[in-house]
Amino acid sequence: MPLAALLLVLGAACCHSTWNLLVKAHPRRLEIQGGALVVGTLLCAPVLLAYHVGDVPPAAWAVVLVSGVLETSYVFALAAAYGAGDLSLVYPVARGV
């Protein structure tokens, strides 16, 4: 594996675990996760400027919608689980799911 790829993977793992630690430690974790979803959506939205909405088949939009609902559900369930359990238990179980 190239060194650059290894460093990117390790950097992503550090960012991911740090984010989850910060969410776990904050009492308003649902608001933080909701805000992160909104920011992520806004950052990804400009792709719609490159592609006309009609160019994407309706079945693909259905997959996008289902994916968004599932991701949102996962994020809010994870935030709620952080409120109920210890990070060392919740984080590995959530990552395994």
PDB file of N, CA and C in Angstrom:
ATOM      1  N   MET A   1       0.849  -1.173   0.000  1.00  0.00           N
ATOM      2  CA  MET A   1       0.000   0.000   0.000  1.00  0.00           C
ATOM      3  C   MET A   1       0.893   1.233   0.000  1.00  0.00           C
ATOM      4  N   PRO A   2       0.571   2.190  -0.874  1.00  0.00           N
ATOM      5  CA  PRO A   2       1.371   3.426  -0.895  1.00  0.00           C
ATOM      6  C   PRO A   2       1.249   4.181   0.428  1.00  0.00           C
ATOM      7  N   LEU A   3       2.323   4.854   0.788  1.00  0.00           N
ATOM      8  CA  LEU A   3       2.354   5.597   2.041  1.00  0.00           C
ATOM      9  C   LEU A   3       1.246   6.650   2.098  1.00  0.00           C
ATOM     10  N   ALA A   4       0.997   7.327   0.978  1.00  0.00           N
ATOM     11  CA  ALA A   4      -0.051   8.354   0.960  1.00  0.00           C
ATOM     12  C   ALA A   4      -1.418   7.752   1.292  1.00  0.00           C
ATOM     13  N   ALA A   5      -1.709   6.578   0.748  1.00  0.00           N
ATOM     14  CA  ALA A   5      -2.987   5.925   1.020  1.00  0.00           C
ATOM     15  C   ALA A   5      -3.090   5.553   2.494  1.00  0.00           C
ATOM     16  N   LEU A   6      -2.017   5.026   3.034  1.00  0.00           N
ATOM     17  CA  LEU A   6      -2.003   4.649   4.447  1.00  0.00           C
ATOM     18  C   LEU A   6      -2.222   5.871   5.338  1.00  0.00           C
ATOM     19  N   LEU A   7      -1.563   6.972   5.018  1.00  0.00           N
ATOM     20  CA  LEU A   7      -1.726   8.195   5.806  1.00  0.00           C
ATOM     21  C   LEU A   7      -3.144   8.746   5.697  1.00  0.00           C
ATOM     22  N   LEU A   8      -3.749   8.652   4.519  1.00  0.00           N
ATOM     23  CA  LEU A   8      -5.133   9.099   4.363  1.00  0.00           C
ATOM     24  C   LEU A   8      -6.092   8.253   5.190  1.00  0.00           C
ATOM     25  N   VAL A   9      -5.896   6.952   5.194  1.00  0.00           N
ATOM     26  CA  VAL A   9      -6.746   6.056   5.976  1.00  0.00           C
ATOM     27  C   VAL A   9      -6.588   6.343   7.470  1.00  0.00           C
ATOM     28  N   LEU A  10      -5.359   6.486   7.925  1.00  0.00           N
ATOM     29  CA  LEU A  10      -5.117   6.777   9.334  1.00  0.00           C
ATOM     30  C   LEU A  10      -5.669   8.147   9.731  1.00  0.00           C
ATOM     31  N   GLY A  11      -5.519   9.121   8.860  1.00  0.00           N
ATOM     32  CA  GLY A  11      -6.060  10.452   9.120  1.00  0.00           C
ATOM     33  C   GLY A  11      -7.581  10.434   9.202  1.00  0.00           C
ATOM     34  N   ALA A  12      -8.211   9.705   8.290  1.00  0.00           N
ATOM     35  CA  ALA A  12      -9.674   9.589   8.317  1.00  0.00           C
ATOM     36  C   ALA A  12     -10.140   8.892   9.586  1.00  0.00           C
ATOM     37  N   ALA A  13      -9.429   7.859  10.012  1.00  0.00           N
ATOM     38  CA  ALA A  13      -9.795   7.143  11.242  1.00  0.00           C
ATOM     39  C   ALA A  13      -9.675   8.065  12.454  1.00  0.00           C
ATOM     40  N   CYS A  14      -8.636   8.860  12.498  1.00  0.00           N
ATOM     41  CA  CYS A  14      -8.454   9.807  13.614  1.00  0.00           C
ATOM     42  C   CYS A  14      -9.558  10.857  13.621  1.00  0.00           C
ATOM     43  N   CYS A  15      -9.891  11.407  12.453  1.00  0.00           N
ATOM     44  CA  CYS A  15     -10.963  12.398  12.369  1.00  0.00           C
ATOM     45  C   CYS A  15     -12.294  11.790  12.791  1.00  0.00           C
ATOM     46  N   HIS A  16     -12.573  10.589  12.349  1.00  0.00           N
ATOM     47  CA  HIS A  16     -13.838   9.925  12.653  1.00  0.00           C
ATOM     48  C   HIS A  16     -13.967   9.648  14.149  1.00  0.00           C
ATOM     49  N   SER A  17     -12.932   9.107  14.746  1.00  0.00           N
ATOM     50  CA  SER A  17     -13.010   8.807  16.180  1.00  0.00           C
ATOM     51  C   SER A  17     -13.040  10.085  17.015  1.00  0.00           C
ATOM     52  N   THR A  18     -12.326  11.123  16.601  1.00  0.00           N
ATOM     53  CA  THR A  18     -12.352  12.397  17.315  1.00  0.00           C
ATOM     54  C   THR A  18     -13.741  13.020  17.254  1.00  0.00           C
ATOM     55  N   TRP A  19     -14.367  12.977  16.073  1.00  0.00           N
ATOM     56  CA  TRP A  19     -15.721  13.513  15.932  1.00  0.00           C
ATOM     57  C   TRP A  19     -16.673  12.793  16.877  1.00  0.00           C
ATOM     58  N   ASN A  20     -16.606  11.470  16.907  1.00  0.00           N
ATOM     59  CA  ASN A  20     -17.498  10.700  17.768  1.00  0.00           C
ATOM     60  C   ASN A  20     -17.234  10.983  19.241  1.00  0.00           C
ATOM     61  N   LEU A  21     -15.990  11.176  19.619  1.00  0.00           N
ATOM     62  CA  LEU A  21     -15.656  11.520  20.999  1.00  0.00           C
ATOM     63  C   LEU A  21     -16.233  12.888  21.367  1.00  0.00           C
ATOM     64  N   LEU A  22     -16.131  13.849  20.453  1.00  0.00           N
ATOM     65  CA  LEU A  22     -16.690  15.177  20.708  1.00  0.00           C
ATOM     66  C   LEU A  22     -18.215  15.132  20.833  1.00  0.00           C
ATOM     67  N   VAL A  23     -18.857  14.350  19.969  1.00  0.00           N
ATOM     68  CA  VAL A  23     -20.315  14.217  20.039  1.00  0.00           C
ATOM     69  C   VAL A  23     -20.724  13.571  21.355  1.00  0.00           C
ATOM     70  N   LYS A  24     -20.012  12.528  21.763  1.00  0.00           N
ATOM     71  CA  LYS A  24     -20.326  11.834  23.012  1.00  0.00           C
ATOM     72  C   LYS A  24     -20.194  12.781  24.201  1.00  0.00           C
ATOM     73  N   ALA A  25     -19.193  13.647  24.187  1.00  0.00           N
ATOM     74  CA  ALA A  25     -18.906  14.507  25.329  1.00  0.00           C
ATOM     75  C   ALA A  25     -19.851  15.708  25.435  1.00  0.00           C
ATOM     76  N   HIS A  26     -20.548  16.051  24.359  1.00  0.00           N
ATOM     77  CA  HIS A  26     -21.385  17.250  24.360  1.00  0.00           C
ATOM     78  C   HIS A  26     -22.821  16.912  24.751  1.00  0.00           C
ATOM     79  N   PRO A  27     -23.433  17.700  25.622  1.00  0.00           N
ATOM     80  CA  PRO A  27     -24.806  17.395  26.049  1.00  0.00           C
ATOM     81  C   PRO A  27     -25.857  17.617  24.954  1.00  0.00           C
ATOM     82  N   ARG A  28     -25.572  18.423  23.956  1.00  0.00           N
ATOM     83  CA  ARG A  28     -26.533  18.692  22.879  1.00  0.00           C
ATOM     84  C   ARG A  28     -26.160  17.903  21.626  1.00  0.00           C
ATOM     85  N   ARG A  29     -25.927  16.608  21.801  1.00  0.00           N
ATOM     86  CA  ARG A  29     -25.423  15.781  20.703  1.00  0.00           C
ATOM     87  C   ARG A  29     -26.398  15.653  19.543  1.00  0.00           C
ATOM     88  N   LEU A  30     -27.703  15.653  19.800  1.00  0.00           N
ATOM     89  CA  LEU A  30     -28.669  15.560  18.699  1.00  0.00           C
ATOM     90  C   LEU A  30     -28.609  16.791  17.804  1.00  0.00           C
ATOM     91  N   GLU A  31     -28.468  17.963  18.408  1.00  0.00           N
ATOM     92  CA  GLU A  31     -28.360  19.191  17.624  1.00  0.00           C
ATOM     93  C   GLU A  31     -27.065  19.215  16.813  1.00  0.00           C
ATOM     94  N   ILE A  32     -25.991  18.732  17.409  1.00  0.00           N
ATOM     95  CA  ILE A  32     -24.704  18.691  16.709  1.00  0.00           C
ATOM     96  C   ILE A  32     -24.791  17.760  15.508  1.00  0.00           C
ATOM     97  N   GLN A  33     -25.353  16.587  15.696  1.00  0.00           N
ATOM     98  CA  GLN A  33     -25.470  15.624  14.596  1.00  0.00           C
ATOM     99  C   GLN A  33     -26.407  16.162  13.512  1.00  0.00           C
ATOM    100  N   GLY A  34     -27.502  16.789  13.921  1.00  0.00           N
ATOM    101  CA  GLY A  34     -28.411  17.381  12.941  1.00  0.00           C
ATOM    102  C   GLY A  34     -27.727  18.474  12.133  1.00  0.00           C
ATOM    103  N   GLY A  35     -26.964  19.316  12.814  1.00  0.00           N
ATOM    104  CA  GLY A  35     -26.216  20.362  12.121  1.00  0.00           C
ATOM    105  C   GLY A  35     -25.187  19.795  11.162  1.00  0.00           C
ATOM    106  N   ALA A  36     -24.539  18.721  11.567  1.00  0.00           N
ATOM    107  CA  ALA A  36     -23.550  18.090  10.690  1.00  0.00           C
ATOM    108  C   ALA A  36     -24.217  17.528   9.434  1.00  0.00           C
ATOM    109  N   LEU A  37     -25.411  16.970   9.586  1.00  0.00           N
ATOM    110  CA  LEU A  37     -26.142  16.468   8.414  1.00  0.00           C
ATOM    111  C   LEU A  37     -26.519  17.609   7.469  1.00  0.00           C
ATOM    112  N   VAL A  38     -26.949  18.725   8.031  1.00  0.00           N
ATOM    113  CA  VAL A  38     -27.317  19.876   7.204  1.00  0.00           C
ATOM    114  C   VAL A  38     -26.094  20.409   6.465  1.00  0.00           C
ATOM    115  N   VAL A  39     -24.982  20.552   7.167  1.00  0.00           N
ATOM    116  CA  VAL A  39     -23.755  21.056   6.541  1.00  0.00           C
ATOM    117  C   VAL A  39     -23.287  20.098   5.439  1.00  0.00           C
ATOM    118  N   GLY A  40     -23.317  18.805   5.712  1.00  0.00           N
ATOM    119  CA  GLY A  40     -22.922  17.827   4.697  1.00  0.00           C
ATOM    120  C   GLY A  40     -23.809  17.885   3.468  1.00  0.00           C
ATOM    121  N   THR A  41     -25.104  18.053   3.687  1.00  0.00           N
ATOM    122  CA  THR A  41     -26.036  18.167   2.567  1.00  0.00           C
ATOM    123  C   THR A  41     -25.749  19.409   1.741  1.00  0.00           C
ATOM    124  N   LEU A  42     -25.515  20.527   2.415  1.00  0.00           N
ATOM    125  CA  LEU A  42     -25.222  21.770   1.701  1.00  0.00           C
ATOM    126  C   LEU A  42     -23.901  21.693   0.937  1.00  0.00           C
ATOM    127  N   LEU A  43     -22.914  21.015   1.511  1.00  0.00           N
ATOM    128  CA  LEU A  43     -21.629  20.884   0.823  1.00  0.00           C
ATOM    129  C   LEU A  43     -21.725  19.981  -0.402  1.00  0.00           C
ATOM    130  N   CYS A  44     -22.643  19.016  -0.363  1.00  0.00           N
ATOM    131  CA  CYS A  44     -22.805  18.101  -1.497  1.00  0.00           C
ATOM    132  C   CYS A  44     -23.791  18.607  -2.536  1.00  0.00           C
ATOM    133  N   ALA A  45     -24.626  19.567  -2.178  1.00  0.00           N
ATOM    134  CA  ALA A  45     -25.671  20.066  -3.069  1.00  0.00           C
ATOM    135  C   ALA A  45     -25.153  20.670  -4.381  1.00  0.00           C
ATOM    136  N   PRO A  46     -23.990  21.304  -4.425  1.00  0.00           N
ATOM    137  CA  PRO A  46     -23.545  21.881  -5.699  1.00  0.00           C
ATOM    138  C   PRO A  46     -23.398  20.875  -6.841  1.00  0.00           C
ATOM    139  N   VAL A  47     -23.354  19.589  -6.523  1.00  0.00           N
ATOM    140  CA  VAL A  47     -23.285  18.603  -7.602  1.00  0.00           C
ATOM    141  C   VAL A  47     -24.534  18.687  -8.475  1.00  0.00           C
ATOM    142  N   LEU A  48     -25.628  19.191  -7.916  1.00  0.00           N
ATOM    143  CA  LEU A  48     -26.855  19.348  -8.691  1.00  0.00           C
ATOM    144  C   LEU A  48     -26.715  20.430  -9.758  1.00  0.00           C
ATOM    145  N   LEU A  49     -25.723  21.293  -9.625  1.00  0.00           N
ATOM    146  CA  LEU A  49     -25.467  22.295 -10.661  1.00  0.00           C
ATOM    147  C   LEU A  49     -24.806  21.669 -11.889  1.00  0.00           C
ATOM    148  N   ALA A  50     -24.094  20.575 -11.677  1.00  0.00           N
ATOM    149  CA  ALA A  50     -23.395  19.910 -12.774  1.00  0.00           C
ATOM    150  C   ALA A  50     -24.302  18.944 -13.530  1.00  0.00           C
ATOM    151  N   TYR A  51     -25.314  18.439 -12.873  1.00  0.00           N
ATOM    152  CA  TYR A  51     -26.214  17.459 -13.484  1.00  0.00           C
ATOM    153  C   TYR A  51     -27.642  17.969 -13.397  1.00  0.00           C
ATOM    154  N   HIS A  52     -28.357  17.856 -14.479  1.00  0.00           N
ATOM    155  CA  HIS A  52     -29.761  18.229 -14.474  1.00  0.00           C
ATOM    156  C   HIS A  52     -30.535  17.172 -13.702  1.00  0.00           C
ATOM    157  N   VAL A  53     -31.481  17.601 -12.886  1.00  0.00           N
ATOM    158  CA  VAL A  53     -32.244  16.676 -12.049  1.00  0.00           C
ATOM    159  C   VAL A  53     -32.941  15.614 -12.911  1.00  0.00           C
ATOM    160  N   GLY A  54     -33.383  16.001 -14.092  1.00  0.00           N
ATOM    161  CA  GLY A  54     -34.066  15.053 -14.980  1.00  0.00           C
ATOM    162  C   GLY A  54     -33.152  14.009 -15.580  1.00  0.00           C
ATOM    163  N   ASP A  55     -31.837  14.234 -15.534  1.00  0.00           N
ATOM    164  CA  ASP A  55     -30.887  13.254 -16.079  1.00  0.00           C
ATOM    165  C   ASP A  55     -30.767  12.011 -15.208  1.00  0.00           C
ATOM    166  N   VAL A  56     -31.152  12.143 -13.968  1.00  0.00           N
ATOM    167  CA  VAL A  56     -31.057  11.020 -13.032  1.00  0.00           C
ATOM    168  C   VAL A  56     -32.384  10.263 -13.053  1.00  0.00           C
ATOM    169  N   PRO A  57     -32.340   8.955 -13.281  1.00  0.00           N
ATOM    170  CA  PRO A  57     -33.588   8.183 -13.341  1.00  0.00           C
ATOM    171  C   PRO A  57     -34.343   8.229 -12.009  1.00  0.00           C
ATOM    172  N   PRO A  58     -35.673   8.141 -12.068  1.00  0.00           N
ATOM    173  CA  PRO A  58     -36.470   8.164 -10.835  1.00  0.00           C
ATOM    174  C   PRO A  58     -36.069   7.071  -9.842  1.00  0.00           C
ATOM    175  N   ALA A  59     -35.689   5.906 -10.330  1.00  0.00           N
ATOM    176  CA  ALA A  59     -35.273   4.832  -9.425  1.00  0.00           C
ATOM    177  C   ALA A  59     -34.023   5.239  -8.637  1.00  0.00           C
ATOM    178  N   ALA A  60     -33.138   5.981  -9.268  1.00  0.00           N
ATOM    179  CA  ALA A  60     -31.934   6.446  -8.576  1.00  0.00           C
ATOM    180  C   ALA A  60     -32.301   7.460  -7.502  1.00  0.00           C
ATOM    181  N   TRP A  61     -33.274   8.339  -7.790  1.00  0.00           N
ATOM    182  CA  TRP A  61     -33.714   9.297  -6.776  1.00  0.00           C
ATOM    183  C   TRP A  61     -34.336   8.577  -5.593  1.00  0.00           C
ATOM    184  N   ALA A  62     -35.036   7.478  -5.863  1.00  0.00           N
ATOM    185  CA  ALA A  62     -35.613   6.688  -4.773  1.00  0.00           C
ATOM    186  C   ALA A  62     -34.508   6.113  -3.891  1.00  0.00           C
ATOM    187  N   VAL A  63     -33.440   5.644  -4.518  1.00  0.00           N
ATOM    188  CA  VAL A  63     -32.308   5.114  -3.758  1.00  0.00           C
ATOM    189  C   VAL A  63     -31.647   6.223  -2.941  1.00  0.00           C
ATOM    190  N   VAL A  64     -31.517   7.399  -3.518  1.00  0.00           N
ATOM    191  CA  VAL A  64     -30.944   8.545  -2.802  1.00  0.00           C
ATOM    192  C   VAL A  64     -31.811   8.884  -1.589  1.00  0.00           C
ATOM    193  N   LEU A  65     -33.116   8.903  -1.776  1.00  0.00           N
ATOM    194  CA  LEU A  65     -34.032   9.224  -0.684  1.00  0.00           C
ATOM    195  C   LEU A  65     -33.959   8.180   0.434  1.00  0.00           C
ATOM    196  N   VAL A  66     -34.001   6.910   0.068  1.00  0.00           N
ATOM    197  CA  VAL A  66     -33.920   5.841   1.077  1.00  0.00           C
ATOM    198  C   VAL A  66     -32.577   5.905   1.805  1.00  0.00           C
ATOM    199  N   SER A  67     -31.509   6.129   1.061  1.00  0.00           N
ATOM    200  CA  SER A  67     -30.185   6.233   1.662  1.00  0.00           C
ATOM    201  C   SER A  67     -30.122   7.394   2.653  1.00  0.00           C
ATOM    202  N   GLY A  68     -30.695   8.525   2.277  1.00  0.00           N
ATOM    203  CA  GLY A  68     -30.710   9.679   3.174  1.00  0.00           C
ATOM    204  C   GLY A  68     -31.492   9.419   4.447  1.00  0.00           C
ATOM    205  N   VAL A  69     -32.638   8.756   4.311  1.00  0.00           N
ATOM    206  CA  VAL A  69     -33.452   8.437   5.484  1.00  0.00           C
ATOM    207  C   VAL A  69     -32.708   7.471   6.402  1.00  0.00           C
ATOM    208  N   LEU A  70     -32.075   6.456   5.819  1.00  0.00           N
ATOM    209  CA  LEU A  70     -31.340   5.482   6.632  1.00  0.00           C
ATOM    210  C   LEU A  70     -30.133   6.120   7.325  1.00  0.00           C
ATOM    211  N   GLU A  71     -29.402   6.970   6.616  1.00  0.00           N
ATOM    212  CA  GLU A  71     -28.237   7.635   7.208  1.00  0.00           C
ATOM    213  C   GLU A  71     -28.662   8.572   8.337  1.00  0.00           C
ATOM    214  N   THR A  72     -29.735   9.320   8.113  1.00  0.00           N
ATOM    215  CA  THR A  72     -30.240  10.220   9.147  1.00  0.00           C
ATOM    216  C   THR A  72     -30.688   9.435  10.375  1.00  0.00           C
ATOM    217  N   SER A  73     -31.378   8.337  10.145  1.00  0.00           N
ATOM    218  CA  SER A  73     -31.818   7.493  11.262  1.00  0.00           C
ATOM    219  C   SER A  73     -30.628   6.952  12.038  1.00  0.00           C
ATOM    220  N   TYR A  74     -29.609   6.499  11.318  1.00  0.00           N
ATOM    221  CA  TYR A  74     -28.407   5.973  11.966  1.00  0.00           C
ATOM    222  C   TYR A  74     -27.728   7.044  12.817  1.00  0.00           C
ATOM    223  N   VAL A  75     -27.584   8.232  12.267  1.00  0.00           N
ATOM    224  CA  VAL A  75     -26.880   9.307  12.973  1.00  0.00           C
ATOM    225  C   VAL A  75     -27.625   9.697  14.249  1.00  0.00           C
ATOM    226  N   PHE A  76     -28.945   9.824  14.171  1.00  0.00           N
ATOM    227  CA  PHE A  76     -29.707  10.197  15.361  1.00  0.00           C
ATOM    228  C   PHE A  76     -29.766   9.056  16.375  1.00  0.00           C
ATOM    229  N   ALA A  77     -29.822   7.821  15.897  1.00  0.00           N
ATOM    230  CA  ALA A  77     -29.789   6.671  16.819  1.00  0.00           C
ATOM    231  C   ALA A  77     -28.439   6.601  17.522  1.00  0.00           C
ATOM    232  N   LEU A  78     -27.369   6.880  16.792  1.00  0.00           N
ATOM    233  CA  LEU A  78     -26.035   6.878  17.388  1.00  0.00           C
ATOM    234  C   LEU A  78     -25.925   7.965  18.458  1.00  0.00           C
ATOM    235  N   ALA A  79     -26.450   9.152  18.160  1.00  0.00           N
ATOM    236  CA  ALA A  79     -26.411  10.234  19.151  1.00  0.00           C
ATOM    237  C   ALA A  79     -27.204   9.859  20.398  1.00  0.00           C
ATOM    238  N   ALA A  80     -28.349   9.232  20.213  1.00  0.00           N
ATOM    239  CA  ALA A  80     -29.152   8.805  21.362  1.00  0.00           C
ATOM    240  C   ALA A  80     -28.430   7.708  22.142  1.00  0.00           C
ATOM    241  N   ALA A  81     -27.779   6.799  21.448  1.00  0.00           N
ATOM    242  CA  ALA A  81     -27.042   5.729  22.122  1.00  0.00           C
ATOM    243  C   ALA A  81     -25.876   6.297  22.927  1.00  0.00           C
ATOM    244  N   TYR A  82     -25.236   7.348  22.414  1.00  0.00           N
ATOM    245  CA  TYR A  82     -24.151   7.976  23.172  1.00  0.00           C
ATOM    246  C   TYR A  82     -24.672   8.557  24.481  1.00  0.00           C
ATOM    247  N   GLY A  83     -25.926   8.989  24.498  1.00  0.00           N
ATOM    248  CA  GLY A  83     -26.507   9.503  25.724  1.00  0.00           C
ATOM    249  C   GLY A  83     -26.813   8.404  26.727  1.00  0.00           C
ATOM    250  N   ALA A  84     -27.018   7.192  26.238  1.00  0.00           N
ATOM    251  CA  ALA A  84     -27.417   6.087  27.108  1.00  0.00           C
ATOM    252  C   ALA A  84     -26.272   5.179  27.527  1.00  0.00           C
ATOM    253  N   GLY A  85     -25.223   5.126  26.714  1.00  0.00           N
ATOM    254  CA  GLY A  85     -24.163   4.163  27.012  1.00  0.00           C
ATOM    255  C   GLY A  85     -22.778   4.747  26.909  1.00  0.00           C
ATOM    256  N   ASP A  86     -21.812   3.949  27.271  1.00  0.00           N
ATOM    257  CA  ASP A  86     -20.406   4.345  27.247  1.00  0.00           C
ATOM    258  C   ASP A  86     -19.871   4.291  25.819  1.00  0.00           C
ATOM    259  N   LEU A  87     -18.983   5.221  25.503  1.00  0.00           N
ATOM    260  CA  LEU A  87     -18.399   5.297  24.168  1.00  0.00           C
ATOM    261  C   LEU A  87     -17.709   3.996  23.783  1.00  0.00           C
ATOM    262  N   SER A  88     -17.041   3.362  24.742  1.00  0.00           N
ATOM    263  CA  SER A  88     -16.293   2.135  24.438  1.00  0.00           C
ATOM    264  C   SER A  88     -17.207   0.977  24.071  1.00  0.00           C
ATOM    265  N   LEU A  89     -18.485   1.070  24.401  1.00  0.00           N
ATOM    266  CA  LEU A  89     -19.444   0.039  24.023  1.00  0.00           C
ATOM    267  C   LEU A  89     -20.235   0.454  22.784  1.00  0.00           C
ATOM    268  N   VAL A  90     -20.737   1.682  22.785  1.00  0.00           N
ATOM    269  CA  VAL A  90     -21.607   2.145  21.706  1.00  0.00           C
ATOM    270  C   VAL A  90     -20.850   2.252  20.386  1.00  0.00           C
ATOM    271  N   TYR A  91     -19.671   2.840  20.394  1.00  0.00           N
ATOM    272  CA  TYR A  91     -18.939   3.092  19.142  1.00  0.00           C
ATOM    273  C   TYR A  91     -18.618   1.802  18.388  1.00  0.00           C
ATOM    274  N   PRO A  92     -18.053   0.780  19.008  1.00  0.00           N
ATOM    275  CA  PRO A  92     -17.765  -0.446  18.240  1.00  0.00           C
ATOM    276  C   PRO A  92     -19.019  -1.142  17.735  1.00  0.00           C
ATOM    277  N   VAL A  93     -20.072  -1.151  18.542  1.00  0.00           N
ATOM    278  CA  VAL A  93     -21.314  -1.795  18.103  1.00  0.00           C
ATOM    279  C   VAL A  93     -21.903  -1.035  16.921  1.00  0.00           C
ATOM    280  N   ALA A  94     -21.918   0.289  17.002  1.00  0.00           N
ATOM    281  CA  ALA A  94     -22.462   1.097  15.900  1.00  0.00           C
ATOM    282  C   ALA A  94     -21.626   0.916  14.629  1.00  0.00           C
ATOM    283  N   ARG A  95     -20.331   0.872  14.753  1.00  0.00           N
ATOM    284  CA  ARG A  95     -19.470   0.679  13.571  1.00  0.00           C
ATOM    285  C   ARG A  95     -19.680  -0.714  12.983  1.00  0.00           C
ATOM    286  N   GLY A  96     -19.943  -1.680  13.824  1.00  0.00           N
ATOM    287  CA  GLY A  96     -20.188  -3.028  13.334  1.00  0.00           C
ATOM    288  C   GLY A  96     -21.508  -3.169  12.608  1.00  0.00           C
ATOM    289  N   VAL A  97     -22.470  -2.371  13.022  1.00  0.00           N
ATOM    290  CA  VAL A  97     -23.779  -2.417  12.375  1.00  0.00           C
ATOM    291  C   VAL A  97     -23.664  -1.812  11.004  1.00  0.00           C
TER     292      VAL A  97
END
